[in-house]
Protein backbone atom coordinates (compact mmCIF):
# COMPACT_ATOMS: atom_id res chain seq x y z
CA ASN A 1 -68.68 -13.63 17.50
CA GLY A 2 -70.36 -15.61 20.28
CA VAL A 3 -67.70 -18.33 20.34
CA TRP A 4 -65.03 -15.73 21.09
CA VAL A 5 -67.12 -14.24 23.87
CA GLU A 6 -67.35 -17.69 25.49
CA GLU A 7 -63.61 -18.31 25.01
CA CYS A 8 -62.70 -14.91 26.47
CA LEU A 9 -65.08 -15.34 29.41
CA ALA A 10 -63.49 -18.71 30.22
CA ALA A 11 -59.94 -17.42 29.72
CA ASN A 12 -60.57 -14.61 32.21
CA ASN A 13 -62.69 -16.58 34.69
CA ILE A 14 -65.76 -14.40 34.10
CA THR A 15 -69.27 -15.82 34.39
CA GLN A 16 -72.25 -14.93 32.21
CA ALA A 17 -73.66 -13.05 35.23
CA ASP A 18 -70.41 -11.06 35.49
CA LEU A 19 -70.67 -10.23 31.79
CA MET A 20 -74.25 -9.00 32.16
CA GLU A 21 -73.15 -6.81 35.07
CA MET A 22 -70.27 -5.44 32.96
CA VAL A 23 -72.70 -4.60 30.15
CA LYS A 24 -75.11 -2.88 32.56
CA ARG A 25 -72.28 -0.82 34.07
CA SER A 26 -70.98 0.07 30.63
CA ILE A 27 -74.41 1.23 29.41
CA ALA A 28 -74.82 3.28 32.58
CA GLY A 29 -71.36 4.81 32.08
CA GLN A 30 -70.14 3.18 35.28
CA GLU A 31 -67.18 1.21 33.92
CA THR A 32 -64.21 2.95 35.49
CA ALA A 33 -60.47 2.64 35.76
CA SER A 34 -61.05 0.72 39.01
CA SER A 35 -62.89 -2.10 37.21
CA PRO A 36 -61.30 -5.51 37.89
CA GLY A 37 -58.31 -6.49 35.78
CA LYS A 38 -60.06 -9.59 34.47
CA HIS A 39 -62.76 -7.36 32.95
CA LYS A 40 -60.09 -5.31 31.21
CA CYS A 41 -58.39 -8.44 29.89
CA PHE A 42 -61.75 -9.74 28.62
CA TYR A 43 -61.91 -6.75 26.26
CA GLN A 44 -58.27 -7.39 25.27
CA CYS A 45 -59.09 -11.00 24.47
CA LEU A 46 -62.00 -9.95 22.23
CA ALA A 47 -59.81 -7.41 20.41
CA GLU A 48 -57.20 -10.10 19.74
CA LYS A 49 -59.81 -12.60 18.53
CA GLU A 50 -61.38 -9.97 16.25
CA ASN A 51 -57.90 -9.25 14.82
CA ILE A 52 -58.28 -5.47 15.18
CA LEU A 53 -54.83 -4.85 16.69
CA ASP A 54 -51.61 -3.92 14.94
CA SER A 55 -48.21 -5.52 15.59
CA LYS A 56 -47.70 -3.27 18.67
CA GLY A 57 -51.04 -4.33 20.19
CA CYS A 58 -52.76 -1.03 19.39
CA MET A 59 -56.10 -0.72 17.65
CA ASP A 60 -55.69 -0.71 13.87
CA VAL A 61 -58.02 1.78 12.19
CA GLU A 62 -57.93 0.04 8.81
CA LYS A 63 -58.62 -3.41 10.27
CA ILE A 64 -61.57 -1.97 12.19
CA ASN A 65 -62.81 -0.15 9.09
CA ALA A 66 -62.65 -3.40 7.09
CA ILE A 67 -64.94 -5.11 9.64
CA ASP A 68 -67.33 -2.23 10.27
CA HIS A 69 -67.08 0.74 7.90
CA LEU A 70 -66.27 3.81 9.99
CA THR A 71 -68.05 7.10 9.47
CA GLU A 72 -65.67 10.07 9.28
CA LYS A 73 -66.79 11.18 12.76
CA ASN A 74 -66.14 7.72 14.22
CA ARG A 75 -62.77 7.50 12.44
CA GLN A 76 -61.82 10.83 14.04
CA ALA A 77 -63.03 9.57 17.44
CA LEU A 78 -60.91 6.44 17.05
CA MET A 79 -57.87 8.49 16.02
CA PHE A 80 -58.40 10.82 19.02
CA CYS A 81 -58.61 7.88 21.43
CA LYS A 82 -55.54 6.27 19.86
CA SER A 83 -53.58 9.52 20.27
CA LYS A 84 -54.48 9.52 23.98
CA ASN A 85 -53.78 5.84 24.64
CA ASP A 86 -51.51 4.12 22.08
CA GLU A 87 -48.38 2.68 23.72
CA LYS A 88 -49.16 4.36 27.07
CA PHE A 89 -50.54 1.33 28.97
CA GLU A 90 -50.02 -2.40 29.26
CA LYS A 91 -52.27 -4.32 26.88
CA CYS A 92 -55.35 -4.99 29.05
CA GLU A 93 -55.36 -1.46 30.44
CA TYR A 94 -54.84 -0.04 26.92
CA ILE A 95 -57.90 -1.75 25.46
CA PHE A 96 -59.97 -0.80 28.50
CA GLN A 97 -58.94 2.86 28.21
CA MET A 98 -59.82 2.72 24.49
CA VAL A 99 -63.25 1.28 25.33
CA LEU A 100 -63.88 4.05 27.87
CA CYS A 101 -62.74 6.74 25.42
CA LEU A 102 -64.70 5.35 22.48
CA THR A 103 -67.84 4.89 24.57
CA GLU A 104 -67.69 8.61 25.26
CA LYS A 105 -66.74 9.76 21.73
CA ILE A 106 -68.25 7.39 19.16
CA GLU A 107 -71.66 7.60 17.51
CA PRO A 108 -73.93 4.59 18.02
């Protein structure tokens, strides 16, 4: 949702140019654990706005499936990433680690 992107950019003091750079790095596989905290919290903001988190702030497989039906392979990838990351990081770092893991594991 474009409105949420704008809200999350503003909330994290990220410009459109910053966002384009983030997307380029992500496509090139260059988003890393050393990415700025505000980038990590941008992803957290989007996850909250999309309502895909459970009460503990972890990704909720069923909420995600309701928005975008998961293939069995993608469901397994999500479950794998959750097993590696759920409740192991603070919220912005958690979502960022999930994004990195899913980028590597999920089918387009």
